[in-house]
Protein backbone atom coordinates (compact mmCIF):
# COMPACT_ATOMS: atom_id res chain seq x y z
CA MET A 1 -21.75 74.70 -19.99
CA SER A 2 -21.80 72.13 -22.95
CA ARG A 3 -17.53 71.63 -22.64
CA TRP A 4 -18.47 70.47 -19.00
CA ILE A 5 -21.44 68.67 -19.86
CA LEU A 6 -19.45 66.78 -22.72
CA SER A 7 -16.41 66.41 -20.60
CA PHE A 8 -18.32 64.59 -18.00
CA LEU A 9 -19.92 62.52 -20.56
CA LEU A 10 -16.46 61.31 -21.85
CA PHE A 11 -15.38 61.25 -18.12
CA PHE A 12 -18.28 58.81 -17.17
CA ILE A 13 -17.79 56.86 -20.64
CA SER A 14 -14.16 56.50 -19.80
CA LEU A 15 -14.94 55.18 -16.39
CA GLN A 16 -17.66 52.77 -17.24
CA LEU A 17 -15.38 50.82 -19.57
CA TYR A 18 -12.15 51.21 -17.47
CA SER A 19 -13.97 50.03 -14.54
CA LYS A 20 -15.61 47.01 -16.53
CA LYS A 21 -12.32 46.04 -18.01
CA THR A 22 -11.43 45.97 -14.43
CA ILE A 23 -14.21 44.16 -12.78
CA SER A 24 -13.67 41.55 -15.63
CA ARG A 25 -10.17 40.67 -14.28
CA SER A 26 -11.25 40.32 -10.68
CA GLU A 27 -10.67 36.53 -9.88
CA ILE A 28 -10.86 34.01 -7.22
CA PHE A 29 -7.86 32.08 -6.27
CA ILE A 30 -6.06 30.32 -3.34
CA ASP A 31 -4.04 32.69 -1.17
CA ASP A 32 -0.43 31.29 -0.53
CA ASN A 33 -1.56 27.82 -1.62
CA GLU A 34 0.67 25.10 -3.67
CA LEU A 35 -1.79 24.49 -6.60
CA LEU A 36 -1.21 20.38 -7.31
CA GLN A 37 -1.58 19.15 -10.70
CA SER A 38 -1.02 15.46 -11.36
CA GLU A 39 2.50 16.73 -13.29
CA ASP A 40 3.40 17.54 -9.99
CA SER A 41 3.69 13.43 -9.25
CA LEU A 42 7.63 11.79 -9.88
CA PRO A 43 8.01 11.63 -13.59
CA LEU A 44 7.97 8.22 -15.85
CA ASP A 45 9.69 7.27 -18.70
CA GLU A 46 7.44 5.81 -21.85
CA GLU A 47 6.86 2.64 -20.47
CA GLY A 48 6.32 4.10 -17.08
CA ASN A 49 9.26 3.75 -14.74
CA PRO A 50 10.41 6.08 -12.84
CA LYS A 51 13.06 8.42 -14.40
CA ILE A 52 14.68 9.91 -11.25
CA SER A 53 17.35 7.94 -8.84
CA ARG A 54 16.00 5.55 -5.88
CA LYS A 55 17.60 8.05 -3.90
CA ASP A 56 16.43 11.30 -5.55
CA ALA A 57 12.80 9.89 -5.68
CA ILE A 58 13.14 9.21 -1.58
CA LYS A 59 14.26 12.49 -0.76
CA SER A 60 11.29 14.16 -3.16
CA THR A 61 8.80 11.72 -1.29
CA TYR A 62 9.99 12.78 1.97
CA LYS A 63 9.33 16.49 1.02
CA LEU A 64 5.88 16.08 -0.17
CA ILE A 65 4.73 13.99 2.62
CA SER A 66 6.32 16.66 5.26
CA LYS A 67 4.20 19.42 3.63
CA ALA A 68 0.98 17.20 4.45
CA GLU A 69 1.45 19.07 8.01
CA ASN A 70 1.00 22.28 7.78
CA SER A 71 0.73 23.31 3.91
CA LYS A 72 -2.14 25.33 2.06
CA ILE A 73 -3.35 22.87 -0.41
CA HIS A 74 -5.72 23.57 -3.61
CA PHE A 75 -5.81 21.06 -6.19
CA ILE A 76 -8.19 21.15 -9.76
CA ASP A 77 -9.06 17.58 -11.12
CA LYS A 78 -9.38 16.49 -15.00
CA GLU A 79 -12.72 18.05 -14.60
CA GLY A 80 -12.04 21.13 -13.55
CA LYS A 81 -13.26 20.58 -9.73
CA ARG A 82 -11.44 22.81 -7.40
CA PHE A 83 -10.64 21.15 -4.08
CA SER A 84 -8.57 22.53 -0.68
CA ASN A 85 -7.54 21.13 2.67
CA ASN A 86 -8.67 22.64 5.69
CA LEU A 87 -6.08 25.15 6.36
CA ALA A 88 -6.46 26.33 2.57
CA VAL A 89 -8.06 30.50 2.10
CA VAL A 90 -10.12 32.04 -0.73
CA GLU A 91 -8.28 35.50 -1.95
CA PHE A 92 -9.74 37.94 -4.12
CA ASP A 93 -7.56 39.65 -7.22
CA SER A 94 -8.85 42.92 -6.52
CA THR A 95 -6.30 44.53 -9.14
CA LYS A 96 -4.72 47.16 -7.01
CA ASP A 97 -3.68 49.83 -9.37
CA ASN A 98 -7.58 50.35 -9.53
CA LYS A 99 -8.53 53.47 -8.08
CA LEU A 100 -12.00 53.13 -9.08
CA LEU A 101 -12.92 50.09 -7.80
CA VAL A 102 -14.98 49.98 -4.62
CA ASP A 103 -15.59 46.92 -3.26
CA ILE A 104 -16.15 43.61 -3.72
CA GLU A 105 -18.63 41.50 -1.88
CA TYR A 106 -19.19 37.81 -1.38
CA SER A 107 -21.45 35.27 0.08
CA ILE A 108 -21.15 31.95 1.32
CA ASN A 109 -23.31 29.17 0.78
CA GLN A 110 -25.85 31.51 0.48
CA SER A 111 -25.52 33.59 3.63
CA GLU A 112 -26.00 37.54 3.46
CA PHE A 113 -23.27 39.29 1.52
CA LYS A 114 -20.20 40.84 2.82
CA ILE A 115 -17.51 43.16 2.11
CA TYR A 116 -14.39 41.61 1.57
CA THR A 117 -11.29 42.63 3.62
CA THR A 118 -9.01 39.91 4.40
CA PRO A 119 -8.86 36.41 2.89
CA ILE A 120 -11.61 33.75 3.72
CA HIS A 121 -11.10 30.76 5.24
CA LEU A 122 -13.61 28.18 4.83
CA LYS A 123 -14.79 26.55 7.80
CA LYS A 124 -17.56 24.36 6.36
CA ALA A 125 -15.96 20.26 5.08
CA GLY A 126 -17.87 19.44 1.83
CA LYS A 127 -19.01 21.64 -0.85
CA ASN A 128 -18.81 25.55 -0.28
CA ILE A 129 -20.71 27.88 -3.03
CA ILE A 130 -18.87 31.59 -3.51
CA ASN A 131 -21.19 33.93 -4.99
CA TYR A 132 -19.32 37.49 -5.72
CA LYS A 133 -19.05 40.81 -7.44
CA ALA A 134 -17.06 43.69 -7.53
CA ILE A 135 -18.32 47.32 -7.37
CA ASP A 136 -16.70 50.41 -8.87
CA ARG A 137 -16.95 54.59 -7.59
CA ALA A 138 -19.15 54.77 -10.05
CA GLY A 139 -21.80 52.51 -9.04
CA ASN A 140 -21.04 49.78 -11.78
CA GLU A 141 -21.71 46.13 -10.50
CA GLU A 142 -20.29 43.09 -11.86
CA ASP A 143 -22.65 40.95 -12.93
CA LEU A 144 -22.74 38.03 -10.14
CA SER A 145 -20.56 35.14 -10.19
CA ALA A 146 -19.93 31.85 -8.77
CA ILE A 147 -17.41 29.39 -7.59
CA GLU A 148 -17.35 25.53 -5.72
CA VAL A 149 -14.61 24.89 -3.38
CA PHE A 150 -14.67 21.72 -2.39
CA VAL A 151 -13.27 21.40 1.26
CA ASP A 152 -11.43 17.72 1.77
CA VAL A 153 -10.85 17.13 5.33
CA ASN A 154 -11.15 13.90 5.12
CA PRO A 155 -7.97 11.13 5.23
CA PRO A 156 -8.11 8.35 2.43
CA THR A 157 -8.67 4.95 3.92
CA LEU A 158 -5.68 2.32 2.83
CA SER A 159 -5.46 -1.35 3.63
CA VAL A 160 -2.06 -3.25 3.60
CA ARG A 161 -1.74 -6.97 3.34
CA VAL A 162 0.96 -9.32 2.21
CA ASP A 163 -0.30 -11.73 -0.54
CA GLY A 164 1.21 -15.21 0.06
CA LYS A 165 0.82 -18.41 2.01
CA SER A 166 1.77 -17.15 5.75
CA PHE A 167 2.04 -18.67 9.36
CA LYS A 168 2.15 -17.04 12.71
CA ASN A 169 4.79 -18.27 15.05
CA LYS A 170 4.99 -16.99 18.42
CA ASP A 171 5.13 -12.95 17.31
CA LEU A 172 6.62 -13.72 14.17
CA ILE A 173 4.56 -13.55 10.78
CA TYR A 174 6.30 -16.26 7.89
CA TYR A 175 5.70 -15.80 4.33
CA GLU A 176 6.74 -17.99 1.49
CA PRO A 177 9.05 -16.71 -1.26
CA GLY A 178 7.29 -14.68 -3.70
CA SER A 179 4.66 -13.01 -1.68
CA TYR A 180 4.12 -9.33 -2.58
CA ILE A 181 2.39 -6.41 -0.48
CA SER A 182 -0.97 -5.30 -1.94
CA LEU A 183 -2.35 -1.96 -0.78
CA HIS A 184 -5.72 -0.85 -1.09
CA ALA A 185 -6.50 3.17 -1.08
CA TYR A 186 -9.59 5.06 -1.45
CA ASP A 187 -10.79 8.14 -1.27
CA ASP A 188 -14.35 9.49 -2.56
CA GLU A 189 -13.42 13.50 -1.92
CA SER A 190 -10.43 14.95 -4.00
CA GLY A 191 -9.17 11.21 -4.70
CA ILE A 192 -5.53 9.43 -4.13
CA LYS A 193 -2.58 11.27 -5.06
CA ASP A 194 -0.33 7.83 -4.52
CA VAL A 195 0.26 5.27 -2.08
CA TYR A 196 3.97 5.42 -0.36
CA VAL A 197 5.82 2.51 1.05
CA SER A 198 9.17 2.23 3.20
CA ILE A 199 11.22 -1.10 3.35
CA ASN A 200 13.50 -1.88 6.29
CA ASN A 201 13.60 2.13 7.10
CA GLU A 202 14.62 2.97 3.69
CA GLY A 203 12.19 5.73 3.38
CA PHE A 204 8.89 6.38 1.81
CA LEU A 205 8.76 5.81 -2.38
CA PRO A 206 5.56 5.80 -4.66
CA ILE A 207 4.01 2.36 -4.90
CA ASP A 208 5.75 2.07 -8.26
CA TYR A 209 9.00 1.51 -7.30
CA PHE A 210 7.56 -1.68 -5.88
CA THR A 211 7.66 -4.28 -8.71
CA GLU A 212 9.79 -6.94 -7.15
CA LYS A 213 8.47 -9.78 -4.68
CA PHE A 214 10.02 -10.83 -1.35
CA LYS A 215 12.28 -13.93 -2.44
CA GLU A 216 15.30 -13.20 0.14
CA PRO A 217 14.90 -14.89 3.56
CA LYS A 218 14.92 -12.45 6.32
CA LEU A 219 13.33 -10.08 8.10
CA TYR A 220 11.05 -7.61 6.79
CA ARG A 221 9.48 -3.70 7.92
CA ILE A 222 6.77 -2.53 6.21
CA GLN A 223 5.42 1.06 6.33
CA ALA A 224 2.63 2.23 4.36
CA LEU A 225 0.50 6.23 3.93
CA ALA A 226 -1.63 7.02 1.22
CA LEU A 227 -2.33 10.67 0.67
CA ASP A 228 -5.15 12.42 -1.09
CA ASN A 229 -4.94 15.22 -3.82
CA VAL A 230 -4.85 17.83 -1.37
CA LEU A 231 -2.00 15.88 1.34
CA ASN A 232 -4.67 14.25 3.77
CA LYS A 233 -2.59 11.58 5.13
CA SER A 234 -3.71 8.37 5.88
CA LYS A 235 -3.15 6.29 8.79
CA GLU A 236 0.37 4.76 8.56
CA TYR A 237 0.90 1.20 8.87
CA SER A 238 3.74 -0.92 10.33
CA PHE A 239 4.48 -4.23 10.50
CA ASN A 240 6.90 -6.97 10.34
CA PHE A 241 7.45 -10.38 8.81
CA LEU A 242 9.83 -12.95 7.60
CA VAL A 243 10.50 -15.14 4.06
CA ASP A 244 10.86 -18.44 4.76
CA SER A 245 12.46 -20.05 2.04
CA GLU A 246 13.96 -22.99 3.73
CA ALA A 247 12.78 -26.72 3.65
CA PRO A 248 12.35 -28.69 6.64
CA VAL A 249 14.68 -31.24 6.72
CA ALA A 250 13.28 -35.21 7.34
CA SER A 251 14.65 -38.19 8.76
CA THR A 252 14.06 -41.35 9.68
CA LYS A 253 14.26 -44.35 12.27
CA VAL A 254 13.13 -48.17 11.98
CA SER A 255 13.57 -50.18 15.36
CA ASN A 256 15.26 -53.39 15.48
CA THR A 257 17.28 -53.52 12.52
CA VAL A 258 20.38 -55.14 11.87
CA TYR A 259 22.94 -55.10 9.16
CA SER A 260 24.39 -57.77 6.83
CA ASN A 261 27.05 -57.10 4.26
CA LYS A 262 25.97 -53.12 5.15
CA VAL A 263 22.45 -54.12 4.07
CA PRO A 264 19.46 -53.25 6.36
CA ILE A 265 17.81 -55.98 7.75
CA CYS A 266 14.28 -55.32 8.98
CA SER A 267 12.11 -57.33 11.63
CA SER A 268 8.80 -57.94 11.74
CA ILE A 269 8.53 -56.39 15.00
CA SER A 270 10.47 -53.38 13.55
CA LYS A 271 8.33 -49.93 13.39
CA ILE A 272 9.48 -46.86 11.55
CA ASN A 273 9.44 -43.03 12.99
CA ILE A 274 9.84 -40.05 10.43
CA SER A 275 10.57 -36.53 12.03
CA ALA A 276 10.95 -33.31 10.47
CA VAL A 277 12.59 -30.10 11.76
CA ASP A 278 11.64 -26.42 10.01
CA ARG A 279 13.60 -23.75 12.20
CA ASP A 280 11.39 -20.94 10.61
CA SER A 281 7.75 -21.30 10.33
CA GLY A 282 7.91 -24.88 11.22
CA VAL A 283 6.98 -27.99 10.14
CA LYS A 284 3.10 -28.52 9.13
CA LEU A 285 2.98 -32.25 7.25
CA ILE A 286 5.28 -35.53 6.83
CA TYR A 287 4.06 -37.78 4.21
CA TYR A 288 5.01 -40.86 3.48
CA LYS A 289 4.20 -43.91 1.20
CA ILE A 290 5.76 -47.80 0.56
CA ASN A 291 7.17 -49.86 -2.15
CA GLN A 292 6.06 -47.41 -4.91
CA SER A 293 2.36 -46.72 -4.27
CA ASP A 294 0.91 -43.61 -6.10
CA LYS A 295 -0.64 -42.29 -2.89
CA TRP A 296 1.06 -40.26 0.07
CA ILE A 297 0.05 -41.22 3.23
CA ASN A 298 -0.20 -38.57 6.44
CA TYR A 299 2.02 -39.05 8.69
CA ALA A 300 0.62 -39.67 12.42
CA GLY A 301 2.75 -41.18 14.15
CA GLU A 302 5.35 -44.37 14.50
CA PHE A 303 3.59 -47.18 12.85
CA LYS A 304 4.95 -51.31 12.49
CA ILE A 305 5.94 -52.33 8.60
CA PRO A 306 2.76 -54.02 6.96
CA GLU A 307 2.46 -57.79 7.64
CA ASP A 308 2.32 -58.61 3.72
CA LEU A 309 5.77 -56.95 3.27
CA THR A 310 8.83 -58.80 2.42
CA THR A 311 10.75 -55.75 1.43
CA LEU A 312 10.49 -52.14 2.83
CA ASP A 313 11.28 -49.24 0.13
CA LEU A 314 10.17 -46.31 2.37
CA GLU A 315 9.60 -42.53 0.83
CA TYR A 316 8.53 -39.91 3.13
CA LYS A 317 8.94 -35.72 2.88
CA ALA A 318 8.08 -33.28 5.31
CA ILE A 319 6.24 -29.48 4.45
CA ASP A 320 6.38 -26.47 6.23
CA ASN A 321 3.73 -24.23 7.45
CA VAL A 322 4.29 -21.73 4.40
CA GLY A 323 4.64 -24.73 1.98
CA ASN A 324 8.43 -25.57 1.59
CA GLU A 325 8.87 -29.04 0.84
CA SER A 326 11.55 -30.90 1.35
CA GLU A 327 13.32 -33.31 -0.69
CA VAL A 328 11.87 -36.77 -0.92
CA LYS A 329 14.44 -39.27 1.17
CA THR A 330 14.39 -43.06 0.73
CA TYR A 331 14.84 -46.01 2.99
CA SER A 332 14.94 -49.55 2.39
CA CYS A 333 15.67 -52.99 3.75
CA GLN A 334 15.13 -56.47 3.91
CA ILE A 335 12.30 -58.01 6.15
CA ASP A 336 13.02 -61.18 8.17
CA ARG A 337 9.74 -62.87 8.95
CA GLU A 338 11.51 -66.18 9.59
CA PRO A 339 11.59 -67.28 13.10
CA PRO A 340 14.90 -68.52 14.84
CA LYS A 341 15.31 -72.62 14.90
CA THR A 342 16.90 -74.08 17.69
CA ILE A 343 18.69 -77.60 16.72
CA LEU A 344 18.99 -79.49 19.66
CA GLU A 345 21.94 -81.65 19.48
CA ILE A 346 22.58 -84.87 21.95
CA ARG A 347 25.80 -86.07 22.27
CA LYS A 348 26.79 -89.55 24.07
């Protein structure tokens, strides 16, 4: 009898020790989810520049964006805060080789405790508190534990613009040379993972790959999107613009002009007409000044040569709608203000 009691006590003590060890190993994790950490970003060198080639980076980015459609994603930030998207599930590791474990009970957001049977899909967006405990065949209950999982269902917001002087001409937007893309992404839940840009259908790349400004005079197609840390995807932006790097061409015509020994002679009734052509963003302004004046005058249309001048030294230039400025051209002439004289000679 005493042997039986001793044997029972030893078994019970052994059972307690074993079940406590098992219970201490029960933990929560995201089943079949990809755990995204900062090291999943494209690798950078010591100077912060991407290590991998542009081609490989495009492939890597394509795979990442593709995951956003149907992947169960779990993310832990630097403070240890857990986030998941609305596809992720919660599963308990009940240590399959533990034959003494009976049940795991859990409660979500202070609801009634339930017996865990299948992975849990958290339906409520925002913070979810899961309380859980394990129970073994001996009736031992694990101390109640809790974990917070923030379900992030909201995509990040993204605003995109091209910084630089611009002008809309019909259906096209023109920018000055040296313009650059400015992107602002915001996510107040799991946070921004990165912003991705594609230029002229090259393929999406992290914004760090774009340090150059837009200088070449041609049409650009820009696509941009942002991902948060559980791969919620922002609205994709797409727009076209042209870089106008060519200055307008200005010219002038002066009426009632004659030449004497290849020197132009203007008259008191001569009128000056200045024009300019720009095939891209178009001409915005034409300026001129007379006889080395310090002040440029905005050309408003054809004008007469000022009456007090005996010579004309005209300088003029044109500016297009994105700020390209033509070279300064000149025109000079002598001004003949003397009327002709008629000599009447009467011969016998």
